[in-house]
Amino acid sequence: MASRAVACAHQRGEVTVVGTTYILSHSQQELRRLRLQADILKPITTRLLREAGLAQGMRVVDLGCGPGDVSLLAAEIVGPTGLVTGIDRSPSAIDTARMRVKAAGLANINFVEADAAVATGTGTVDLAVGRYVLLRQSDPAAFIRAATTHVRRGGAVAFHEVVAVGGLWSFPTVPLWQQVTDLLVEALRSAQQHPEAGAHMIKHFHDAGLPQPSLFSEIPVSGGPHSPLYAWVAETLRMVLPHVERVGPADPGETDIDSLEDRLRQAVTAVRGQVCFGYQYCGWTRI
């Protein structure tokens, strides 16, 4: 899709898009995977929003909002007197986000179809937030600088990123889990421009001209027959199969996607094991 200029104004602020190019769009299957991922990450992102000072009546911009999961979390916190604007360059993601907001009967969220990396604001919101966006940028510091254009003086910018340090471990070691997740991590890393952006937030914030961020890290851990991680691993591997060849040959059993979720569940529960999602790095600062 060709670049285009878009302007969108709303009752409490304005977002101006100087140009955007769409390279990838979200399939419905990918949007479902993202919503599964959002359920796993919800407690961590909620902590980030709270620590960054989000409260009732505030205004938020969600950068790279996808199907709207972080926007919905923020809307819960700011309440009906607050306002959330989600920005994403994927038309299908925006359509899905709008349908979810309509189904929830919420009037305090709107969405803008635009590239968050080039959308500029008027410095009126209280918080600019992004989840899993810095790792996709060619210049994370430039993205953070763009985020600050939305935020008033004294407001905050906040980011939630993932870094697969040492892979996605299992205890005790479950061979199938380790084989599949090692393949998955390498494929994901090959598909991202800055896969360790979350581990370099201090540098990226500094290069953006901002104060050193407050940081914390958490790792989602689960197990048993009802863990959502089996489905997430299987569906994420399905998404990145085109990248698998870049990191070397895979065992055909590893990439039998249709049965993978059940096989992982059986392998982990058979040893009463625990599995992890990956290190989640969160950082925020005031401007």
C-alpha atoms as a PDB file:
ATOM      1  CA  MET A   1       0.000   0.000   0.000  1.00  0.00           C
ATOM      2  CA  ALA A   2       1.386   3.376  -0.923  1.00  0.00           C
ATOM      3  CA  SER A   3       2.307   5.970   1.666  1.00  0.00           C
ATOM      4  CA  ARG A   4      -0.371   8.502   2.422  1.00  0.00           C
ATOM      5  CA  ALA A   5      -1.071  11.449   4.645  1.00  0.00           C
ATOM      6  CA  VAL A   6      -3.807  11.165   7.216  1.00  0.00           C
ATOM      7  CA  ALA A   7      -5.039  13.559   9.870  1.00  0.00           C
ATOM      8  CA  CYS A   8      -7.313  12.602  12.714  1.00  0.00           C
ATOM      9  CA  ALA A   9      -8.574  14.970  15.381  1.00  0.00           C
ATOM     10  CA  HIS A  10     -10.588  14.067  18.461  1.00  0.00           C
ATOM     11  CA  GLN A  11     -12.097  15.929  21.341  1.00  0.00           C
ATOM     12  CA  ARG A  12      -9.001  15.996  23.581  1.00  0.00           C
ATOM     13  CA  GLY A  13      -6.037  16.010  21.261  1.00  0.00           C
ATOM     14  CA  GLU A  14      -4.803  15.461  17.755  1.00  0.00           C
ATOM     15  CA  VAL A  15      -2.678  12.943  15.891  1.00  0.00           C
ATOM     16  CA  THR A  16      -1.087  13.942  12.590  1.00  0.00           C
ATOM     17  CA  VAL A  17       0.416  11.344  10.276  1.00  0.00           C
ATOM     18  CA  VAL A  18       3.001  12.682   7.864  1.00  0.00           C
ATOM     19  CA  GLY A  19       3.326   9.429   5.953  1.00  0.00           C
ATOM     20  CA  THR A  20       3.158   5.675   6.405  1.00  0.00           C
ATOM     21  CA  THR A  21       3.975   2.565   4.445  1.00  0.00           C
ATOM     22  CA  TYR A  22       2.240  -0.743   5.136  1.00  0.00           C
ATOM     23  CA  ILE A  23       4.511  -3.742   4.686  1.00  0.00           C
ATOM     24  CA  LEU A  24       2.761  -6.467   6.693  1.00  0.00           C
ATOM     25  CA  SER A  25      -0.841  -6.808   7.806  1.00  0.00           C
ATOM     26  CA  HIS A  26      -2.399  -8.954  10.535  1.00  0.00           C
ATOM     27  CA  SER A  27      -4.289 -12.056   9.392  1.00  0.00           C
ATOM     28  CA  GLN A  28      -7.268 -13.090  11.499  1.00  0.00           C
ATOM     29  CA  GLN A  29      -5.227 -16.072  12.697  1.00  0.00           C
ATOM     30  CA  GLU A  30      -2.461 -13.725  13.833  1.00  0.00           C
ATOM     31  CA  LEU A  31      -4.953 -11.472  15.598  1.00  0.00           C
ATOM     32  CA  ARG A  32      -6.230 -14.477  17.559  1.00  0.00           C
ATOM     33  CA  ARG A  33      -2.640 -15.350  18.507  1.00  0.00           C
ATOM     34  CA  LEU A  34      -2.059 -11.798  19.707  1.00  0.00           C
ATOM     35  CA  ARG A  35      -5.137 -11.955  21.919  1.00  0.00           C
ATOM     36  CA  LEU A  36      -3.891 -15.214  23.468  1.00  0.00           C
ATOM     37  CA  GLN A  37      -0.549 -13.506  24.068  1.00  0.00           C
ATOM     38  CA  ALA A  38      -2.327 -10.519  25.607  1.00  0.00           C
ATOM     39  CA  ASP A  39      -3.958 -12.711  28.260  1.00  0.00           C
ATOM     40  CA  ILE A  40      -0.507 -13.956  29.295  1.00  0.00           C
ATOM     41  CA  LEU A  41       0.954 -10.450  29.430  1.00  0.00           C
ATOM     42  CA  LYS A  42      -1.996  -8.605  30.990  1.00  0.00           C
ATOM     43  CA  PRO A  43      -0.762  -8.593  34.636  1.00  0.00           C
ATOM     44  CA  ILE A  44       2.670  -7.289  33.624  1.00  0.00           C
ATOM     45  CA  THR A  45       1.397  -4.526  31.347  1.00  0.00           C
ATOM     46  CA  THR A  46      -1.123  -3.502  33.996  1.00  0.00           C
ATOM     47  CA  ARG A  47       1.716  -3.124  36.499  1.00  0.00           C
ATOM     48  CA  LEU A  48       3.626  -0.957  34.007  1.00  0.00           C
ATOM     49  CA  LEU A  49       0.631   1.314  33.440  1.00  0.00           C
ATOM     50  CA  ARG A  50       0.113   1.707  37.182  1.00  0.00           C
ATOM     51  CA  GLU A  51       3.782   2.366  37.928  1.00  0.00           C
ATOM     52  CA  ALA A  52       3.906   4.956  35.154  1.00  0.00           C
ATOM     53  CA  GLY A  53       1.187   6.833  37.051  1.00  0.00           C
ATOM     54  CA  LEU A  54      -1.888   6.115  34.927  1.00  0.00           C
ATOM     55  CA  ALA A  55      -5.093   6.976  36.769  1.00  0.00           C
ATOM     56  CA  GLN A  56      -8.734   7.881  36.231  1.00  0.00           C
ATOM     57  CA  GLY A  57      -9.454  10.738  33.869  1.00  0.00           C
ATOM     58  CA  MET A  58      -6.100  10.606  32.078  1.00  0.00           C
ATOM     59  CA  ARG A  59      -5.404  10.530  28.341  1.00  0.00           C
ATOM     60  CA  VAL A  60      -3.339   7.759  26.745  1.00  0.00           C
ATOM     61  CA  VAL A  61      -1.931   6.977  23.305  1.00  0.00           C
ATOM     62  CA  ASP A  62      -1.224   3.290  22.583  1.00  0.00           C
ATOM     63  CA  LEU A  63       1.479   3.058  19.905  1.00  0.00           C
ATOM     64  CA  GLY A  64       1.297  -0.006  17.644  1.00  0.00           C
ATOM     65  CA  CYS A  65      -1.950  -1.000  19.335  1.00  0.00           C
ATOM     66  CA  GLY A  66      -2.690  -4.074  17.208  1.00  0.00           C
ATOM     67  CA  PRO A  67      -6.137  -5.485  18.065  1.00  0.00           C
ATOM     68  CA  GLY A  68      -6.399  -3.136  21.045  1.00  0.00           C
ATOM     69  CA  ASP A  69      -5.383  -5.189  24.069  1.00  0.00           C
ATOM     70  CA  VAL A  70      -3.252  -2.522  25.739  1.00  0.00           C
ATOM     71  CA  SER A  71      -5.817   0.122  24.793  1.00  0.00           C
ATOM     72  CA  LEU A  72      -8.508  -1.876  26.580  1.00  0.00           C
ATOM     73  CA  LEU A  73      -6.301  -2.247  29.669  1.00  0.00           C
ATOM     74  CA  ALA A  74      -5.632   1.484  29.730  1.00  0.00           C
ATOM     75  CA  ALA A  75      -9.322   2.247  29.277  1.00  0.00           C
ATOM     76  CA  GLU A  76     -10.145   0.193  32.370  1.00  0.00           C
ATOM     77  CA  ILE A  77      -7.782   2.351  34.411  1.00  0.00           C
ATOM     78  CA  VAL A  78      -8.667   5.815  33.051  1.00  0.00           C
ATOM     79  CA  GLY A  79     -12.403   5.117  33.215  1.00  0.00           C
ATOM     80  CA  PRO A  80     -15.189   6.946  31.405  1.00  0.00           C
ATOM     81  CA  THR A  81     -13.685  10.373  32.107  1.00  0.00           C
ATOM     82  CA  GLY A  82     -10.405   9.423  30.436  1.00  0.00           C
ATOM     83  CA  LEU A  83      -9.563   8.813  26.790  1.00  0.00           C
ATOM     84  CA  VAL A  84      -7.403   6.269  24.957  1.00  0.00           C
ATOM     85  CA  THR A  85      -6.252   6.559  21.343  1.00  0.00           C
ATOM     86  CA  GLY A  86      -4.755   3.497  19.669  1.00  0.00           C
ATOM     87  CA  ILE A  87      -2.529   3.836  16.590  1.00  0.00           C
ATOM     88  CA  ASP A  88      -1.634   0.975  14.246  1.00  0.00           C
ATOM     89  CA  ARG A  89      -0.757   0.719  10.559  1.00  0.00           C
ATOM     90  CA  SER A  90      -2.677  -2.557  10.025  1.00  0.00           C
ATOM     91  CA  PRO A  91      -6.235  -1.967   8.722  1.00  0.00           C
ATOM     92  CA  SER A  92      -7.383  -5.422   9.880  1.00  0.00           C
ATOM     93  CA  ALA A  93      -5.965  -4.858  13.370  1.00  0.00           C
ATOM     94  CA  ILE A  94      -7.758  -1.512  13.622  1.00  0.00           C
ATOM     95  CA  ASP A  95     -11.010  -3.056  12.381  1.00  0.00           C
ATOM     96  CA  THR A  96     -10.729  -5.797  15.009  1.00  0.00           C
ATOM     97  CA  ALA A  97      -9.936  -3.282  17.751  1.00  0.00           C
ATOM     98  CA  ARG A  98     -12.940  -1.163  16.834  1.00  0.00           C
ATOM     99  CA  MET A  99     -15.237  -4.200  16.850  1.00  0.00           C
ATOM    100  CA  ARG A 100     -13.979  -5.222  20.286  1.00  0.00           C
ATOM    101  CA  VAL A 101     -14.536  -1.733  21.693  1.00  0.00           C
ATOM    102  CA  LYS A 102     -18.030  -1.613  20.201  1.00  0.00           C
ATOM    103  CA  ALA A 103     -18.865  -5.038  21.642  1.00  0.00           C
ATOM    104  CA  ALA A 104     -17.629  -3.880  25.056  1.00  0.00           C
ATOM    105  CA  GLY A 105     -19.794  -0.752  24.838  1.00  0.00           C
ATOM    106  CA  LEU A 106     -16.876   1.566  25.572  1.00  0.00           C
ATOM    107  CA  ALA A 107     -16.947   5.228  24.570  1.00  0.00           C
ATOM    108  CA  ASN A 108     -13.508   6.211  25.843  1.00  0.00           C
ATOM    109  CA  ILE A 109     -11.350   4.554  23.139  1.00  0.00           C
ATOM    110  CA  ASN A 110     -10.777   5.495  19.512  1.00  0.00           C
ATOM    111  CA  PHE A 111      -8.354   4.199  16.897  1.00  0.00           C
ATOM    112  CA  VAL A 112      -6.272   5.736  14.132  1.00  0.00           C
ATOM    113  CA  GLU A 113      -4.961   3.768  11.155  1.00  0.00           C
ATOM    114  CA  ALA A 114      -1.397   5.056  10.847  1.00  0.00           C
ATOM    115  CA  ASP A 115       2.253   4.161  11.341  1.00  0.00           C
ATOM    116  CA  ALA A 116       3.053   4.885  14.986  1.00  0.00           C
ATOM    117  CA  ALA A 117       6.692   5.521  14.067  1.00  0.00           C
ATOM    118  CA  VAL A 118       5.782   8.655  12.099  1.00  0.00           C
ATOM    119  CA  ALA A 119       2.543   9.772  13.767  1.00  0.00           C
ATOM    120  CA  THR A 120       3.134  12.980  15.710  1.00  0.00           C
ATOM    121  CA  GLY A 121       1.010  14.362  18.505  1.00  0.00           C
ATOM    122  CA  THR A 122       0.274  17.741  20.008  1.00  0.00           C
ATOM    123  CA  GLY A 123       1.787  17.114  23.444  1.00  0.00           C
ATOM    124  CA  THR A 124      -1.524  16.779  25.267  1.00  0.00           C
ATOM    125  CA  VAL A 125      -1.710  13.193  26.556  1.00  0.00           C
ATOM    126  CA  ASP A 126      -0.600  11.943  29.962  1.00  0.00           C
ATOM    127  CA  LEU A 127       0.996   8.683  28.813  1.00  0.00           C
ATOM    128  CA  ALA A 128       2.341   7.199  25.583  1.00  0.00           C
ATOM    129  CA  VAL A 129       2.719   3.428  25.810  1.00  0.00           C
ATOM    130  CA  GLY A 130       3.877   0.683  23.464  1.00  0.00           C
ATOM    131  CA  ARG A 131       4.107  -3.078  23.860  1.00  0.00           C
ATOM    132  CA  TYR A 132       6.454  -5.163  21.704  1.00  0.00           C
ATOM    133  CA  VAL A 133       7.136  -2.214  19.393  1.00  0.00           C
ATOM    134  CA  LEU A 134      10.761  -1.197  20.015  1.00  0.00           C
ATOM    135  CA  LEU A 135      12.093  -4.588  18.913  1.00  0.00           C
ATOM    136  CA  ARG A 136      10.531  -4.008  15.474  1.00  0.00           C
ATOM    137  CA  GLN A 137      12.098  -0.591  14.884  1.00  0.00           C
ATOM    138  CA  SER A 138      15.182   0.171  12.814  1.00  0.00           C
ATOM    139  CA  ASP A 139      15.886   2.979  15.308  1.00  0.00           C
ATOM    140  CA  PRO A 140      14.279   2.406  18.736  1.00  0.00           C
ATOM    141  CA  ALA A 141      15.502   5.798  20.043  1.00  0.00           C
ATOM    142  CA  ALA A 142      13.806   7.591  17.146  1.00  0.00           C
ATOM    143  CA  PHE A 143      10.566   5.763  17.929  1.00  0.00           C
ATOM    144  CA  ILE A 144      10.796   6.839  21.569  1.00  0.00           C
ATOM    145  CA  ARG A 145      11.401  10.441  20.493  1.00  0.00           C
ATOM    146  CA  ALA A 146       8.308  10.269  18.274  1.00  0.00           C
ATOM    147  CA  ALA A 147       6.343   8.948  21.271  1.00  0.00           C
ATOM    148  CA  THR A 148       7.267  12.018  23.308  1.00  0.00           C
ATOM    149  CA  THR A 149       5.525  14.329  20.809  1.00  0.00           C
ATOM    150  CA  HIS A 150       2.204  13.034  22.107  1.00  0.00           C
ATOM    151  CA  VAL A 151       2.951  13.677  25.777  1.00  0.00           C
ATOM    152  CA  ARG A 152       2.490  16.814  27.873  1.00  0.00           C
ATOM    153  CA  ARG A 153       5.281  18.115  30.073  1.00  0.00           C
ATOM    154  CA  GLY A 154       5.292  15.972  33.212  1.00  0.00           C
ATOM    155  CA  GLY A 155       3.632  13.086  31.404  1.00  0.00           C
ATOM    156  CA  ALA A 156       5.293   9.722  30.799  1.00  0.00           C
ATOM    157  CA  VAL A 157       6.388   7.334  28.064  1.00  0.00           C
ATOM    158  CA  ALA A 158       6.401   3.598  28.798  1.00  0.00           C
ATOM    159  CA  PHE A 159       7.362   0.442  26.924  1.00  0.00           C
ATOM    160  CA  HIS A 160       6.881  -3.282  27.524  1.00  0.00           C
ATOM    161  CA  GLU A 161       9.300  -5.478  25.556  1.00  0.00           C
ATOM    162  CA  VAL A 162      10.408  -9.123  25.528  1.00  0.00           C
ATOM    163  CA  VAL A 163      13.941 -10.525  25.527  1.00  0.00           C
ATOM    164  CA  ALA A 164      14.342 -14.293  25.171  1.00  0.00           C
ATOM    165  CA  VAL A 165      17.489 -14.563  27.300  1.00  0.00           C
ATOM    166  CA  GLY A 166      18.589 -18.198  27.303  1.00  0.00           C
ATOM    167  CA  GLY A 167      15.473 -19.282  25.419  1.00  0.00           C
ATOM    168  CA  LEU A 168      12.151 -20.333  26.956  1.00  0.00           C
ATOM    169  CA  TRP A 169      13.218 -22.780  29.650  1.00  0.00           C
ATOM    170  CA  SER A 170      11.436 -25.768  31.149  1.00  0.00           C
ATOM    171  CA  PHE A 171      11.980 -27.406  34.546  1.00  0.00           C
ATOM    172  CA  PRO A 172      12.704 -30.246  34.507  1.00  0.00           C
ATOM    173  CA  THR A 173      14.012 -30.152  30.958  1.00  0.00           C
ATOM    174  CA  VAL A 174      11.322 -31.274  28.518  1.00  0.00           C
ATOM    175  CA  PRO A 175      13.102 -32.145  25.249  1.00  0.00           C
ATOM    176  CA  LEU A 176      10.171 -31.341  22.939  1.00  0.00           C
ATOM    177  CA  TRP A 177       9.569 -27.980  24.628  1.00  0.00           C
ATOM    178  CA  GLN A 178      13.241 -27.032  24.410  1.00  0.00           C
ATOM    179  CA  GLN A 179      13.612 -28.131  20.781  1.00  0.00           C
ATOM    180  CA  VAL A 180      10.529 -26.243  19.657  1.00  0.00           C
ATOM    181  CA  THR A 181      11.116 -23.080  21.666  1.00  0.00           C
ATOM    182  CA  ASP A 182      14.796 -22.877  20.683  1.00  0.00           C
ATOM    183  CA  LEU A 183      13.691 -22.981  17.060  1.00  0.00           C
ATOM    184  CA  LEU A 184      10.966 -20.437  17.756  1.00  0.00           C
ATOM    185  CA  VAL A 185      13.274 -17.989  19.531  1.00  0.00           C
ATOM    186  CA  GLU A 186      15.846 -18.094  16.748  1.00  0.00           C
ATOM    187  CA  ALA A 187      13.172 -17.577  14.105  1.00  0.00           C
ATOM    188  CA  LEU A 188      11.670 -14.643  16.012  1.00  0.00           C
ATOM    189  CA  ARG A 189      15.067 -13.055  16.519  1.00  0.00           C
ATOM    190  CA  SER A 190      15.803 -13.318  12.806  1.00  0.00           C
ATOM    191  CA  ALA A 191      12.519 -11.541  12.034  1.00  0.00           C
ATOM    192  CA  GLN A 192      13.066  -8.545  14.347  1.00  0.00           C
ATOM    193  CA  GLN A 193      15.340  -5.571  13.817  1.00  0.00           C
ATOM    194  CA  HIS A 194      16.220  -5.105  17.506  1.00  0.00           C
ATOM    195  CA  PRO A 195      15.222  -8.327  19.311  1.00  0.00           C
ATOM    196  CA  GLU A 196      17.021  -7.230  22.491  1.00  0.00           C
ATOM    197  CA  ALA A 197      15.638  -3.684  22.603  1.00  0.00           C
ATOM    198  CA  GLY A 198      14.102  -4.371  26.004  1.00  0.00           C
ATOM    199  CA  ALA A 199      17.515  -5.159  27.469  1.00  0.00           C
ATOM    200  CA  HIS A 200      18.873  -1.821  26.213  1.00  0.00           C
ATOM    201  CA  MET A 201      16.149   0.542  27.399  1.00  0.00           C
ATOM    202  CA  ILE A 202      18.538   2.742  29.375  1.00  0.00           C
ATOM    203  CA  LYS A 203      20.608   3.313  26.221  1.00  0.00           C
ATOM    204  CA  HIS A 204      17.586   3.828  23.960  1.00  0.00           C
ATOM    205  CA  PHE A 205      15.970   6.316  26.363  1.00  0.00           C
ATOM    206  CA  HIS A 206      19.303   8.136  26.697  1.00  0.00           C
ATOM    207  CA  ASP A 207      19.730   8.298  22.920  1.00  0.00           C
ATOM    208  CA  ALA A 208      16.197   9.684  22.701  1.00  0.00           C
ATOM    209  CA  GLY A 209      17.208  12.523  25.032  1.00  0.00           C
ATOM    210  CA  LEU A 210      15.143  11.300  27.985  1.00  0.00           C
ATOM    211  CA  PRO A 211      15.941  10.660  31.659  1.00  0.00           C
ATOM    212  CA  GLN A 212      16.964   7.149  32.671  1.00  0.00           C
ATOM    213  CA  PRO A 213      13.844   4.973  32.868  1.00  0.00           C
ATOM    214  CA  SER A 214      12.525   3.121  35.875  1.00  0.00           C
ATOM    215  CA  LEU A 215      12.737  -0.591  35.060  1.00  0.00           C
ATOM    216  CA  PHE A 216      11.397  -3.946  36.145  1.00  0.00           C
ATOM    217  CA  SER A 217      11.364  -7.452  34.694  1.00  0.00           C
ATOM    218  CA  GLU A 218       9.020 -10.414  35.106  1.00  0.00           C
ATOM    219  CA  ILE A 219       8.755 -13.896  33.590  1.00  0.00           C
ATOM    220  CA  PRO A 220       5.352 -15.567  33.083  1.00  0.00           C
ATOM    221  CA  VAL A 221       5.619 -19.158  34.334  1.00  0.00           C
ATOM    222  CA  SER A 222       2.994 -21.886  34.200  1.00  0.00           C
ATOM    223  CA  GLY A 223       2.402 -25.589  33.714  1.00  0.00           C
ATOM    224  CA  GLY A 224      -0.252 -28.254  34.076  1.00  0.00           C
ATOM    225  CA  PRO A 225      -2.877 -29.153  31.478  1.00  0.00           C
ATOM    226  CA  HIS A 226      -4.434 -25.699  31.225  1.00  0.00           C
ATOM    227  CA  SER A 227      -1.362 -23.530  30.584  1.00  0.00           C
ATOM    228  CA  PRO A 228      -1.930 -21.057  27.736  1.00  0.00           C
ATOM    229  CA  LEU A 229       1.753 -21.312  26.794  1.00  0.00           C
ATOM    230  CA  TYR A 230       1.314 -24.506  24.769  1.00  0.00           C
ATOM    231  CA  ALA A 231      -1.145 -22.835  22.408  1.00  0.00           C
ATOM    232  CA  TRP A 232       0.961 -19.667  22.247  1.00  0.00           C
ATOM    233  CA  VAL A 233       4.106 -21.590  21.259  1.00  0.00           C
ATOM    234  CA  ALA A 234       2.263 -23.642  18.631  1.00  0.00           C
ATOM    235  CA  GLU A 235       0.494 -20.658  17.072  1.00  0.00           C
ATOM    236  CA  THR A 236       3.586 -18.457  17.155  1.00  0.00           C
ATOM    237  CA  LEU A 237       5.653 -21.146  15.458  1.00  0.00           C
ATOM    238  CA  ARG A 238       2.924 -21.392  12.823  1.00  0.00           C
ATOM    239  CA  MET A 239       3.310 -17.647  12.243  1.00  0.00           C
ATOM    240  CA  VAL A 240       7.098 -17.745  11.828  1.00  0.00           C
ATOM    241  CA  LEU A 241       7.429 -20.912   9.763  1.00  0.00           C
ATOM    242  CA  PRO A 242       8.527 -18.833   6.736  1.00  0.00           C
ATOM    243  CA  HIS A 243      11.530 -17.725   8.814  1.00  0.00           C
ATOM    244  CA  VAL A 244      12.482 -21.180  10.065  1.00  0.00           C
ATOM    245  CA  GLU A 245      14.632 -21.946   7.018  1.00  0.00           C
ATOM    246  CA  ARG A 246      16.806 -18.947   7.866  1.00  0.00           C
ATOM    247  CA  VAL A 247      17.940 -20.531  11.133  1.00  0.00           C
ATOM    248  CA  GLY A 248      18.567 -24.046   9.870  1.00  0.00           C
ATOM    249  CA  PRO A 249      16.693 -27.282   9.249  1.00  0.00           C
ATOM    250  CA  ALA A 250      14.025 -28.402  11.684  1.00  0.00           C
ATOM    251  CA  ASP A 251      12.837 -31.866  12.690  1.00  0.00           C
ATOM    252  CA  PRO A 252       9.553 -32.494  10.840  1.00  0.00           C
ATOM    253  CA  GLY A 253       7.987 -33.398  14.170  1.00  0.00           C
ATOM    254  CA  GLU A 254       8.791 -29.980  15.564  1.00  0.00           C
ATOM    255  CA  THR A 255       6.879 -28.245  12.807  1.00  0.00           C
ATOM    256  CA  ASP A 256       3.795 -30.515  12.804  1.00  0.00           C
ATOM    257  CA  ILE A 257       1.797 -27.500  13.953  1.00  0.00           C
ATOM    258  CA  ASP A 258      -1.669 -29.002  14.063  1.00  0.00           C
ATOM    259  CA  SER A 259      -0.670 -31.510  16.763  1.00  0.00           C
ATOM    260  CA  LEU A 260       2.016 -29.452  18.483  1.00  0.00           C
ATOM    261  CA  GLU A 261      -0.129 -27.844  21.199  1.00  0.00           C
ATOM    262  CA  ASP A 262      -1.399 -31.221  22.432  1.00  0.00           C
ATOM    263  CA  ARG A 263       2.061 -32.814  22.250  1.00  0.00           C
ATOM    264  CA  LEU A 264       3.584 -30.004  24.300  1.00  0.00           C
ATOM    265  CA  ARG A 265       0.803 -30.267  26.877  1.00  0.00           C
ATOM    266  CA  GLN A 266       1.301 -34.007  27.208  1.00  0.00           C
ATOM    267  CA  ALA A 267       5.105 -33.759  27.435  1.00  0.00           C
ATOM    268  CA  VAL A 268       5.111 -31.069  30.135  1.00  0.00           C
ATOM    269  CA  THR A 269       2.290 -32.463  32.269  1.00  0.00           C
ATOM    270  CA  ALA A 270       3.772 -35.980  32.138  1.00  0.00           C
ATOM    271  CA  VAL A 271       6.723 -34.772  34.247  1.00  0.00           C
ATOM    272  CA  ARG A 272       4.735 -32.234  36.316  1.00  0.00           C
ATOM    273  CA  GLY A 273       6.905 -29.606  34.679  1.00  0.00           C
ATOM    274  CA  GLN A 274       6.962 -25.803  34.557  1.00  0.00           C
ATOM    275  CA  VAL A 275       7.580 -23.713  31.461  1.00  0.00           C
ATOM    276  CA  CYS A 276       8.273 -20.029  30.924  1.00  0.00           C
ATOM    277  CA  PHE A 277       7.327 -17.399  28.375  1.00  0.00           C
ATOM    278  CA  GLY A 278      10.455 -15.228  28.305  1.00  0.00           C
ATOM    279  CA  TYR A 279      11.845 -12.211  30.136  1.00  0.00           C
ATOM    280  CA  GLN A 280       9.488  -9.228  30.013  1.00  0.00           C
ATOM    281  CA  TYR A 281      11.279  -5.884  30.367  1.00  0.00           C
ATOM    282  CA  CYS A 282       9.269  -2.785  31.238  1.00  0.00           C
ATOM    283  CA  GLY A 283      10.571   0.782  31.424  1.00  0.00           C
ATOM    284  CA  TRP A 284       9.095   4.245  31.800  1.00  0.00           C
ATOM    285  CA  THR A 285      10.135   7.798  32.450  1.00  0.00           C
ATOM    286  CA  ARG A 286       8.631  11.268  32.722  1.00  0.00           C
ATOM    287  CA  ILE A 287       9.441  13.989  30.220  1.00  0.00           C
END
